[in-house]
């Protein structure tokens, strides 16, 4: 009986030890934290281009206002034991719009760099993406949606139809809004009106495509 109890405790210890080994160093979406300046205070829009020459996160704009605001996303990756995860691959951390309206190129919304020694990474550089979305932005780490970090960060692009290229199809869709009813998808300058500023951003993307 005593031997059986000892063996039982030994097996239990092995199971617990294996579970700890299996999760240590693996990002946990309940422990990982992402932040964005002024999150929740304003609806913010980021202008993207498939070629990656859209707006950097520090030059996002307040929706229907056009004022420039910093939307840099910073994330500290931790495992289930709240220990930071260093050198976690950038390609395993990415952004999506909740409605799928923002259409990234392959790897177009991944983090800018692997996590550093403090487990930190960020999104600062322009994204490679098209499409548009007025839904929240969701952060993913290791294939899992990060808890507590959908941000009111919207997206638009001169690649309105999200096919990975800015071409005559997008010009046609833009024109129908420019000379007709207002549409967020064509308000590239995010100031609530369609004007020459939006035309300029459309022109800046013409001919560009995903890498």
C-alpha atoms as a PDB file:
ATOM      1  CA  UNK A   1       0.000   0.000   0.000  1.00  0.00           C
ATOM      2  CA  UNK A   2       2.815   2.389   0.976  1.00  0.00           C
ATOM      3  CA  UNK A   3       4.708   1.537  -2.202  1.00  0.00           C
ATOM      4  CA  UNK A   4       1.587   2.161  -4.275  1.00  0.00           C
ATOM      5  CA  UNK A   5       1.139   5.625  -2.701  1.00  0.00           C
ATOM      6  CA  UNK A   6       4.776   6.473  -3.338  1.00  0.00           C
ATOM      7  CA  UNK A   7       4.463   5.379  -6.971  1.00  0.00           C
ATOM      8  CA  UNK A   8       1.280   7.423  -7.299  1.00  0.00           C
ATOM      9  CA  UNK A   9       2.978  10.535  -5.969  1.00  0.00           C
ATOM     10  CA  UNK A  10       5.927   9.926  -8.292  1.00  0.00           C
ATOM     11  CA  UNK A  11       3.655   9.644 -11.351  1.00  0.00           C
ATOM     12  CA  UNK A  12       1.745  12.760 -10.282  1.00  0.00           C
ATOM     13  CA  UNK A  13       5.003  14.687  -9.962  1.00  0.00           C
ATOM     14  CA  UNK A  14       6.042  13.562 -13.428  1.00  0.00           C
ATOM     15  CA  UNK A  15       2.729  14.708 -14.922  1.00  0.00           C
ATOM     16  CA  UNK A  16       2.967  18.112 -13.232  1.00  0.00           C
ATOM     17  CA  UNK A  17       6.582  18.472 -14.274  1.00  0.00           C
ATOM     18  CA  UNK A  18       5.723  17.556 -17.878  1.00  0.00           C
ATOM     19  CA  UNK A  19       2.890  20.084 -17.959  1.00  0.00           C
ATOM     20  CA  UNK A  20       5.187  22.819 -16.695  1.00  0.00           C
ATOM     21  CA  UNK A  21       7.828  21.881 -19.243  1.00  0.00           C
ATOM     22  CA  UNK A  22       5.234  21.899 -22.013  1.00  0.00           C
ATOM     23  CA  UNK A  23       4.023  25.429 -21.273  1.00  0.00           C
ATOM     24  CA  UNK A  24       7.136  27.232 -20.066  1.00  0.00           C
ATOM     25  CA  UNK A  25       8.398  29.571 -22.779  1.00  0.00           C
ATOM     26  CA  UNK A  26       5.207  29.274 -24.831  1.00  0.00           C
ATOM     27  CA  UNK A  27       3.207  32.524 -25.149  1.00  0.00           C
ATOM     28  CA  UNK A  28       0.023  32.581 -23.137  1.00  0.00           C
ATOM     29  CA  UNK A  29      -2.681  34.974 -24.431  1.00  0.00           C
ATOM     30  CA  UNK A  30      -3.986  35.538 -20.905  1.00  0.00           C
ATOM     31  CA  UNK A  31      -0.585  36.692 -19.613  1.00  0.00           C
ATOM     32  CA  UNK A  32       0.634  38.525 -22.706  1.00  0.00           C
ATOM     33  CA  UNK A  33      -0.211  42.236 -22.764  1.00  0.00           C
ATOM     34  CA  UNK A  34      -0.501  44.658 -25.689  1.00  0.00           C
ATOM     35  CA  UNK A  35      -0.958  48.422 -25.420  1.00  0.00           C
ATOM     36  CA  UNK A  36      -1.752  51.265 -27.797  1.00  0.00           C
ATOM     37  CA  UNK A  37      -1.617  54.974 -26.894  1.00  0.00           C
ATOM     38  CA  UNK A  38      -5.044  56.480 -26.223  1.00  0.00           C
ATOM     39  CA  UNK A  39      -6.694  53.077 -26.685  1.00  0.00           C
ATOM     40  CA  UNK A  40     -10.451  53.374 -26.303  1.00  0.00           C
ATOM     41  CA  UNK A  41     -10.512  57.177 -26.384  1.00  0.00           C
ATOM     42  CA  UNK A  42     -10.901  57.671 -30.131  1.00  0.00           C
ATOM     43  CA  UNK A  43     -11.594  55.654 -33.270  1.00  0.00           C
ATOM     44  CA  UNK A  44      -8.268  55.639 -35.091  1.00  0.00           C
ATOM     45  CA  UNK A  45      -7.595  54.858 -38.756  1.00  0.00           C
ATOM     46  CA  UNK A  46      -4.380  53.577 -40.345  1.00  0.00           C
ATOM     47  CA  UNK A  47      -3.846  53.989 -44.096  1.00  0.00           C
ATOM     48  CA  UNK A  48      -2.255  50.904 -45.677  1.00  0.00           C
ATOM     49  CA  UNK A  49      -0.818  50.022 -49.062  1.00  0.00           C
ATOM     50  CA  UNK A  50       0.074  46.508 -50.294  1.00  0.00           C
ATOM     51  CA  UNK A  51       3.548  47.772 -51.197  1.00  0.00           C
ATOM     52  CA  UNK A  52       4.178  48.784 -47.585  1.00  0.00           C
ATOM     53  CA  UNK A  53       4.528  52.529 -48.179  1.00  0.00           C
ATOM     54  CA  UNK A  54       1.360  53.538 -46.351  1.00  0.00           C
ATOM     55  CA  UNK A  55       1.280  55.312 -43.009  1.00  0.00           C
ATOM     56  CA  UNK A  56       3.468  54.220 -40.087  1.00  0.00           C
ATOM     57  CA  UNK A  57       1.576  53.627 -36.849  1.00  0.00           C
ATOM     58  CA  UNK A  58       2.830  56.927 -35.411  1.00  0.00           C
ATOM     59  CA  UNK A  59       0.955  58.707 -38.222  1.00  0.00           C
ATOM     60  CA  UNK A  60      -2.486  57.142 -37.824  1.00  0.00           C
ATOM     61  CA  UNK A  61      -5.425  59.550 -37.821  1.00  0.00           C
ATOM     62  CA  UNK A  62      -8.511  60.117 -35.715  1.00  0.00           C
ATOM     63  CA  UNK A  63     -11.553  58.996 -37.695  1.00  0.00           C
ATOM     64  CA  UNK A  64     -13.628  61.827 -39.205  1.00  0.00           C
ATOM     65  CA  UNK A  65     -11.161  64.344 -37.772  1.00  0.00           C
ATOM     66  CA  UNK A  66      -7.948  63.639 -39.658  1.00  0.00           C
ATOM     67  CA  UNK A  67      -5.735  64.654 -36.723  1.00  0.00           C
ATOM     68  CA  UNK A  68      -2.528  62.629 -36.569  1.00  0.00           C
ATOM     69  CA  UNK A  69      -2.220  60.329 -33.563  1.00  0.00           C
ATOM     70  CA  UNK A  70       0.258  57.672 -32.469  1.00  0.00           C
ATOM     71  CA  UNK A  71      -1.233  54.177 -32.731  1.00  0.00           C
ATOM     72  CA  UNK A  72       1.960  52.214 -32.107  1.00  0.00           C
ATOM     73  CA  UNK A  73       1.172  48.812 -30.616  1.00  0.00           C
ATOM     74  CA  UNK A  74       3.620  47.450 -28.061  1.00  0.00           C
ATOM     75  CA  UNK A  75       3.353  43.915 -26.729  1.00  0.00           C
ATOM     76  CA  UNK A  76       5.064  42.067 -23.890  1.00  0.00           C
ATOM     77  CA  UNK A  77       4.904  38.325 -24.461  1.00  0.00           C
ATOM     78  CA  UNK A  78       4.699  36.097 -21.365  1.00  0.00           C
ATOM     79  CA  UNK A  79       4.122  32.400 -20.804  1.00  0.00           C
ATOM     80  CA  UNK A  80       1.606  30.756 -18.462  1.00  0.00           C
ATOM     81  CA  UNK A  81       3.956  31.378 -15.517  1.00  0.00           C
ATOM     82  CA  UNK A  82       4.128  35.126 -16.320  1.00  0.00           C
ATOM     83  CA  UNK A  83       7.762  34.771 -17.408  1.00  0.00           C
ATOM     84  CA  UNK A  84       8.756  36.874 -20.433  1.00  0.00           C
ATOM     85  CA  UNK A  85       9.351  35.003 -23.682  1.00  0.00           C
ATOM     86  CA  UNK A  86      12.472  36.318 -25.389  1.00  0.00           C
ATOM     87  CA  UNK A  87      13.286  35.938 -29.086  1.00  0.00           C
ATOM     88  CA  UNK A  88       9.805  34.773 -30.003  1.00  0.00           C
ATOM     89  CA  UNK A  89       9.517  34.910 -33.828  1.00  0.00           C
ATOM     90  CA  UNK A  90       7.946  38.027 -35.321  1.00  0.00           C
ATOM     91  CA  UNK A  91       6.101  35.946 -37.915  1.00  0.00           C
ATOM     92  CA  UNK A  92       4.097  34.283 -35.138  1.00  0.00           C
ATOM     93  CA  UNK A  93       2.635  37.606 -33.962  1.00  0.00           C
ATOM     94  CA  UNK A  94       0.255  39.496 -36.224  1.00  0.00           C
ATOM     95  CA  UNK A  95      -2.763  41.801 -36.518  1.00  0.00           C
ATOM     96  CA  UNK A  96      -6.178  41.200 -38.045  1.00  0.00           C
ATOM     97  CA  UNK A  97      -9.355  43.204 -38.370  1.00  0.00           C
ATOM     98  CA  UNK A  98     -12.168  41.454 -36.538  1.00  0.00           C
ATOM     99  CA  UNK A  99     -14.381  41.432 -39.634  1.00  0.00           C
ATOM    100  CA  UNK A 100     -11.619  40.354 -42.031  1.00  0.00           C
ATOM    101  CA  UNK A 101     -12.068  43.549 -44.044  1.00  0.00           C
ATOM    102  CA  UNK A 102      -8.399  44.504 -43.835  1.00  0.00           C
ATOM    103  CA  UNK A 103      -6.644  42.085 -46.214  1.00  0.00           C
ATOM    104  CA  UNK A 104      -2.934  41.597 -45.467  1.00  0.00           C
ATOM    105  CA  UNK A 105      -0.301  40.479 -47.922  1.00  0.00           C
ATOM    106  CA  UNK A 106       1.501  37.296 -46.897  1.00  0.00           C
ATOM    107  CA  UNK A 107       3.111  38.228 -43.577  1.00  0.00           C
ATOM    108  CA  UNK A 108       2.002  41.826 -44.088  1.00  0.00           C
ATOM    109  CA  UNK A 109       0.836  42.486 -40.523  1.00  0.00           C
ATOM    110  CA  UNK A 110       3.449  40.624 -38.489  1.00  0.00           C
ATOM    111  CA  UNK A 111       5.341  42.314 -35.661  1.00  0.00           C
ATOM    112  CA  UNK A 112       8.348  44.422 -36.621  1.00  0.00           C
ATOM    113  CA  UNK A 113      10.869  42.197 -34.833  1.00  0.00           C
ATOM    114  CA  UNK A 114      11.316  39.133 -32.624  1.00  0.00           C
ATOM    115  CA  UNK A 115      10.699  39.793 -28.936  1.00  0.00           C
ATOM    116  CA  UNK A 116      13.706  41.261 -27.152  1.00  0.00           C
ATOM    117  CA  UNK A 117      15.208  40.124 -23.842  1.00  0.00           C
ATOM    118  CA  UNK A 118      12.280  41.743 -22.015  1.00  0.00           C
ATOM    119  CA  UNK A 119       9.765  39.865 -24.164  1.00  0.00           C
ATOM    120  CA  UNK A 120       8.762  43.037 -26.005  1.00  0.00           C
ATOM    121  CA  UNK A 121       7.943  43.669 -29.645  1.00  0.00           C
ATOM    122  CA  UNK A 122       5.941  46.332 -31.483  1.00  0.00           C
ATOM    123  CA  UNK A 123       4.117  47.430 -34.604  1.00  0.00           C
ATOM    124  CA  UNK A 124       5.601  50.725 -35.802  1.00  0.00           C
ATOM    125  CA  UNK A 125       6.302  50.341 -39.518  1.00  0.00           C
ATOM    126  CA  UNK A 126       3.600  50.537 -42.221  1.00  0.00           C
ATOM    127  CA  UNK A 127       1.701  47.349 -42.947  1.00  0.00           C
ATOM    128  CA  UNK A 128       1.560  45.549 -46.287  1.00  0.00           C
ATOM    129  CA  UNK A 129      -2.203  45.349 -46.656  1.00  0.00           C
ATOM    130  CA  UNK A 130      -5.294  46.346 -48.583  1.00  0.00           C
ATOM    131  CA  UNK A 131      -9.032  46.356 -47.974  1.00  0.00           C
ATOM    132  CA  UNK A 132     -10.855  48.352 -45.325  1.00  0.00           C
ATOM    133  CA  UNK A 133     -12.429  47.806 -41.930  1.00  0.00           C
ATOM    134  CA  UNK A 134     -14.344  49.759 -39.314  1.00  0.00           C
ATOM    135  CA  UNK A 135     -14.223  46.873 -36.850  1.00  0.00           C
ATOM    136  CA  UNK A 136     -11.737  46.386 -34.018  1.00  0.00           C
ATOM    137  CA  UNK A 137      -8.146  45.309 -34.572  1.00  0.00           C
ATOM    138  CA  UNK A 138      -7.228  41.988 -32.954  1.00  0.00           C
ATOM    139  CA  UNK A 139      -3.713  40.944 -31.896  1.00  0.00           C
ATOM    140  CA  UNK A 140      -2.629  37.334 -32.350  1.00  0.00           C
ATOM    141  CA  UNK A 141       0.283  35.569 -30.683  1.00  0.00           C
ATOM    142  CA  UNK A 142       1.248  31.998 -31.544  1.00  0.00           C
ATOM    143  CA  UNK A 143      -2.055  31.571 -33.386  1.00  0.00           C
ATOM    144  CA  UNK A 144      -4.230  32.639 -30.449  1.00  0.00           C
ATOM    145  CA  UNK A 145      -6.218  35.843 -30.059  1.00  0.00           C
ATOM    146  CA  UNK A 146      -4.795  38.020 -27.318  1.00  0.00           C
ATOM    147  CA  UNK A 147      -7.231  38.497 -24.446  1.00  0.00           C
ATOM    148  CA  UNK A 148      -8.160  42.089 -23.689  1.00  0.00           C
ATOM    149  CA  UNK A 149      -6.526  43.616 -26.749  1.00  0.00           C
ATOM    150  CA  UNK A 150      -8.954  44.402 -29.476  1.00  0.00           C
ATOM    151  CA  UNK A 151      -8.206  48.039 -30.273  1.00  0.00           C
ATOM    152  CA  UNK A 152     -10.444  50.599 -31.987  1.00  0.00           C
ATOM    153  CA  UNK A 153      -7.932  50.763 -34.805  1.00  0.00           C
ATOM    154  CA  UNK A 154      -9.600  50.822 -38.224  1.00  0.00           C
ATOM    155  CA  UNK A 155      -7.961  50.399 -41.629  1.00  0.00           C
ATOM    156  CA  UNK A 156      -8.344  51.665 -45.165  1.00  0.00           C
ATOM    157  CA  UNK A 157      -6.245  51.390 -48.298  1.00  0.00           C
ATOM    158  CA  UNK A 158      -6.014  52.558 -51.885  1.00  0.00           C
ATOM    159  CA  UNK A 159      -6.305  48.829 -52.605  1.00  0.00           C
ATOM    160  CA  UNK A 160     -10.005  49.114 -51.818  1.00  0.00           C
ATOM    161  CA  UNK A 161     -10.997  45.691 -53.119  1.00  0.00           C
ATOM    162  CA  UNK A 162      -8.162  43.972 -51.254  1.00  0.00           C
ATOM    163  CA  UNK A 163      -6.778  42.027 -54.205  1.00  0.00           C
ATOM    164  CA  UNK A 164      -3.168  42.954 -53.408  1.00  0.00           C
ATOM    165  CA  UNK A 165      -2.724  45.567 -56.148  1.00  0.00           C
ATOM    166  CA  UNK A 166      -3.743  49.211 -56.559  1.00  0.00           C
ATOM    167  CA  UNK A 167      -5.116  49.465 -60.088  1.00  0.00           C
ATOM    168  CA  UNK A 168      -7.972  50.675 -62.288  1.00  0.00           C
ATOM    169  CA  UNK A 169     -10.480  48.579 -60.359  1.00  0.00           C
ATOM    170  CA  UNK A 170      -9.716  50.562 -57.216  1.00  0.00           C
ATOM    171  CA  UNK A 171      -9.805  53.854 -59.131  1.00  0.00           C
ATOM    172  CA  UNK A 172     -13.269  52.964 -60.395  1.00  0.00           C
ATOM    173  CA  UNK A 173     -14.502  52.101 -56.905  1.00  0.00           C
ATOM    174  CA  UNK A 174     -12.978  55.287 -55.503  1.00  0.00           C
ATOM    175  CA  UNK A 175     -14.581  57.412 -58.232  1.00  0.00           C
ATOM    176  CA  UNK A 176     -18.051  56.048 -57.529  1.00  0.00           C
ATOM    177  CA  UNK A 177     -17.747  57.310 -53.954  1.00  0.00           C
ATOM    178  CA  UNK A 178     -15.893  60.526 -54.781  1.00  0.00           C
ATOM    179  CA  UNK A 179     -18.647  61.624 -57.153  1.00  0.00           C
ATOM    180  CA  UNK A 180     -21.451  59.941 -55.241  1.00  0.00           C
ATOM    181  CA  UNK A 181     -22.290  59.015 -51.664  1.00  0.00           C
ATOM    182  CA  UNK A 182     -19.529  59.245 -49.068  1.00  0.00           C
ATOM    183  CA  UNK A 183     -17.867  55.929 -48.187  1.00  0.00           C
ATOM    184  CA  UNK A 184     -15.299  55.265 -45.467  1.00  0.00           C
ATOM    185  CA  UNK A 185     -13.450  52.916 -47.829  1.00  0.00           C
ATOM    186  CA  UNK A 186     -12.503  55.893 -50.020  1.00  0.00           C
ATOM    187  CA  UNK A 187     -11.708  58.319 -47.186  1.00  0.00           C
ATOM    188  CA  UNK A 188      -7.995  57.602 -47.198  1.00  0.00           C
ATOM    189  CA  UNK A 189      -7.245  60.755 -45.200  1.00  0.00           C
ATOM    190  CA  UNK A 190      -9.822  59.819 -42.540  1.00  0.00           C
ATOM    191  CA  UNK A 191     -11.189  63.352 -42.182  1.00  0.00           C
ATOM    192  CA  UNK A 192     -14.821  62.584 -42.978  1.00  0.00           C
ATOM    193  CA  UNK A 193     -14.833  64.104 -46.476  1.00  0.00           C
ATOM    194  CA  UNK A 194     -13.610  63.010 -49.902  1.00  0.00           C
ATOM    195  CA  UNK A 195     -11.298  65.542 -51.481  1.00  0.00           C
ATOM    196  CA  UNK A 196      -7.926  66.105 -53.128  1.00  0.00           C
ATOM    197  CA  UNK A 197      -6.107  64.685 -50.095  1.00  0.00           C
ATOM    198  CA  UNK A 198      -7.701  61.321 -50.753  1.00  0.00           C
ATOM    199  CA  UNK A 199      -6.884  61.560 -54.451  1.00  0.00           C
ATOM    200  CA  UNK A 200      -3.259  62.140 -53.512  1.00  0.00           C
ATOM    201  CA  UNK A 201      -3.144  58.999 -51.390  1.00  0.00           C
ATOM    202  CA  UNK A 202      -4.780  56.989 -54.154  1.00  0.00           C
ATOM    203  CA  UNK A 203      -2.154  58.246 -56.592  1.00  0.00           C
ATOM    204  CA  UNK A 204       0.662  57.358 -54.180  1.00  0.00           C
ATOM    205  CA  UNK A 205      -0.386  53.733 -54.264  1.00  0.00           C
ATOM    206  CA  UNK A 206      -1.170  53.262 -57.955  1.00  0.00           C
ATOM    207  CA  UNK A 207       0.674  50.358 -59.483  1.00  0.00           C
ATOM    208  CA  UNK A 208       1.886  49.081 -56.133  1.00  0.00           C
ATOM    209  CA  UNK A 209       1.273  45.495 -55.077  1.00  0.00           C
ATOM    210  CA  UNK A 210       2.165  42.948 -52.428  1.00  0.00           C
ATOM    211  CA  UNK A 211       5.871  41.994 -52.325  1.00  0.00           C
END
